[in-house]
C-alpha atoms as a PDB file:
ATOM      1  CA  MET A   1      -5.940 -26.544 -12.949  1.00  0.00           C
ATOM      2  CA  THR A   2      -5.014 -23.217 -14.578  1.00  0.00           C
ATOM      3  CA  ILE A   3      -1.584 -22.367 -15.964  1.00  0.00           C
ATOM      4  CA  GLU A   4      -1.144 -19.855 -13.136  1.00  0.00           C
ATOM      5  CA  GLU A   5      -1.779 -22.554 -10.517  1.00  0.00           C
ATOM      6  CA  ILE A   6       0.624 -24.980 -12.235  1.00  0.00           C
ATOM      7  CA  ILE A   7       3.358 -22.316 -12.318  1.00  0.00           C
ATOM      8  CA  ILE A   8       2.817 -21.468  -8.647  1.00  0.00           C
ATOM      9  CA  ASP A   9       2.965 -25.152  -7.640  1.00  0.00           C
ATOM     10  CA  LYS A  10       6.193 -25.702  -9.562  1.00  0.00           C
ATOM     11  CA  VAL A  11       7.853 -22.520  -8.266  1.00  0.00           C
ATOM     12  CA  LYS A  12       7.044 -23.493  -4.671  1.00  0.00           C
ATOM     13  CA  ILE A  13       9.256 -26.593  -4.916  1.00  0.00           C
ATOM     14  CA  LEU A  14      12.259 -24.679  -6.273  1.00  0.00           C
ATOM     15  CA  PRO A  15      15.055 -23.584  -3.915  1.00  0.00           C
ATOM     16  CA  PRO A  16      15.117 -19.824  -3.127  1.00  0.00           C
ATOM     17  CA  ASP A  17      17.903 -19.027  -5.621  1.00  0.00           C
ATOM     18  CA  LYS A  18      15.936 -20.683  -8.449  1.00  0.00           C
ATOM     19  CA  GLN A  19      12.758 -18.892  -7.331  1.00  0.00           C
ATOM     20  CA  GLN A  20      14.704 -15.634  -7.707  1.00  0.00           C
ATOM     21  CA  GLU A  21      15.733 -16.667 -11.227  1.00  0.00           C
ATOM     22  CA  ALA A  22      12.094 -17.386 -12.077  1.00  0.00           C
ATOM     23  CA  LEU A  23      11.081 -13.975 -10.724  1.00  0.00           C
ATOM     24  CA  ASP A  24      13.842 -12.299 -12.729  1.00  0.00           C
ATOM     25  CA  PHE A  25      12.604 -14.042 -15.879  1.00  0.00           C
ATOM     26  CA  VAL A  26       8.985 -13.005 -15.276  1.00  0.00           C
ATOM     27  CA  GLU A  27      10.107  -9.406 -14.717  1.00  0.00           C
ATOM     28  CA  PHE A  28      12.130  -9.605 -17.945  1.00  0.00           C
ATOM     29  CA  LEU A  29       9.043 -10.789 -19.841  1.00  0.00           C
ATOM     30  CA  LEU A  30       6.932  -7.978 -18.342  1.00  0.00           C
ATOM     31  CA  ALA A  31       9.562  -5.367 -19.257  1.00  0.00           C
ATOM     32  CA  LYS A  32       9.708  -6.749 -22.800  1.00  0.00           C
ATOM     33  CA  MET A  33       5.917  -6.543 -23.090  1.00  0.00           C
ATOM     34  CA  GLN A  34       5.948  -3.020 -21.688  1.00  0.00           C
ATOM     35  CA  ASN A  35       8.521  -1.938 -24.284  1.00  0.00           C
ATOM     36  CA  GLN A  36       6.247  -3.341 -26.989  1.00  0.00           C
ATOM     37  CA  GLY A  37       3.273  -1.462 -25.511  1.00  0.00           C
ATOM     38  CA  LEU A  38       1.484  -4.672 -24.577  1.00  0.00           C
ATOM     39  CA  TYR A  39       1.567  -4.199 -20.809  1.00  0.00           C
ATOM     40  CA  ASN A  40       0.951  -1.226 -18.543  1.00  0.00           C
ATOM     41  CA  GLN A  41       1.996  -1.549 -14.925  1.00  0.00           C
ATOM     42  CA  PRO A  42      -0.919  -0.940 -12.580  1.00  0.00           C
ATOM     43  CA  ASN A  43      -0.940   2.382 -10.734  1.00  0.00           C
ATOM     44  CA  LYS A  44       0.311   1.830  -7.176  1.00  0.00           C
ATOM     45  CA  SER A  45      -0.474   5.294  -5.859  1.00  0.00           C
ATOM     46  CA  GLY A  46      -2.632   3.891  -3.075  1.00  0.00           C
ATOM     47  CA  ILE A  47      -5.512   5.447  -1.213  1.00  0.00           C
ATOM     48  CA  SER A  48      -5.306   8.592   0.864  1.00  0.00           C
ATOM     49  CA  ALA A  49      -6.137   8.623   4.570  1.00  0.00           C
ATOM     50  CA  LEU A  50      -8.734  11.292   3.848  1.00  0.00           C
ATOM     51  CA  SER A  51     -10.604   9.112   1.371  1.00  0.00           C
ATOM     52  CA  LEU A  52     -10.660   6.251   3.890  1.00  0.00           C
ATOM     53  CA  ALA A  53     -11.961   8.493   6.672  1.00  0.00           C
ATOM     54  CA  GLN A  54     -14.245  10.646   4.498  1.00  0.00           C
ATOM     55  CA  GLU A  55     -17.458   9.454   6.171  1.00  0.00           C
ATOM     56  CA  TYR A  56     -16.114  10.591   9.565  1.00  0.00           C
ATOM     57  CA  VAL A  57     -15.049  14.089   8.515  1.00  0.00           C
ATOM     58  CA  GLY A  58     -16.995  16.628  10.548  1.00  0.00           C
ATOM     59  CA  CYS A  59     -18.721  14.108  12.819  1.00  0.00           C
ATOM     60  CA  VAL A  60     -17.079  15.513  15.986  1.00  0.00           C
ATOM     61  CA  GLU A  61     -18.111  18.862  17.404  1.00  0.00           C
ATOM     62  CA  ALA A  62     -15.094  20.934  18.409  1.00  0.00           C
ATOM     63  CA  ALA A  63     -13.433  24.255  17.839  1.00  0.00           C
ATOM     64  CA  SER A  64     -12.450  24.786  14.244  1.00  0.00           C
ATOM     65  CA  ASP A  65      -8.729  24.799  15.109  1.00  0.00           C
ATOM     66  CA  LEU A  66      -7.773  22.993  18.316  1.00  0.00           C
ATOM     67  CA  SER A  67      -4.155  24.122  18.005  1.00  0.00           C
ATOM     68  CA  THR A  68      -5.206  27.657  18.991  1.00  0.00           C
ATOM     69  CA  ASN A  69      -7.005  26.456  22.124  1.00  0.00           C
ATOM     70  CA  LYS A  70      -4.314  26.770  24.820  1.00  0.00           C
ATOM     71  CA  ASP A  71      -6.318  24.858  27.461  1.00  0.00           C
ATOM     72  CA  TYR A  72      -6.793  21.925  25.102  1.00  0.00           C
ATOM     73  CA  MET A  73      -3.100  21.885  24.224  1.00  0.00           C
ATOM     74  CA  ASP A  74      -2.135  21.996  27.937  1.00  0.00           C
ATOM     75  CA  THR A  75      -4.448  19.061  28.649  1.00  0.00           C
ATOM     76  CA  LEU A  76      -2.936  17.131  25.775  1.00  0.00           C
ATOM     77  CA  PHE A  77       0.579  17.782  27.078  1.00  0.00           C
ATOM     78  CA  LEU A  78      -0.375  16.648  30.581  1.00  0.00           C
ATOM     79  CA  ILE A  79      -1.929  13.412  29.296  1.00  0.00           C
ATOM     80  CA  SER A  80       1.004  12.561  27.042  1.00  0.00           C
ATOM     81  CA  SER A  81       3.650  13.282  29.705  1.00  0.00           C
ATOM     82  CA  LYS A  82       2.192  10.825  32.260  1.00  0.00           C
END
């Protein structure tokens, strides 16, 4: 069993207020390491919707700008108002 697994098992049996204390202590240790330059928080910027849908960009044939197509916009309004 790894140290990580042992810590997780022990934290699970603590009451919620003691779990919060344990979390506070871990965050304190991480902040201390960060101040010493030993720890860099991972980048949590995420992934853009475009990068997830990149393979589908351009796979539908349509007018270049549907917002200028009045008939399309009228149809959309009729469908959404039902």
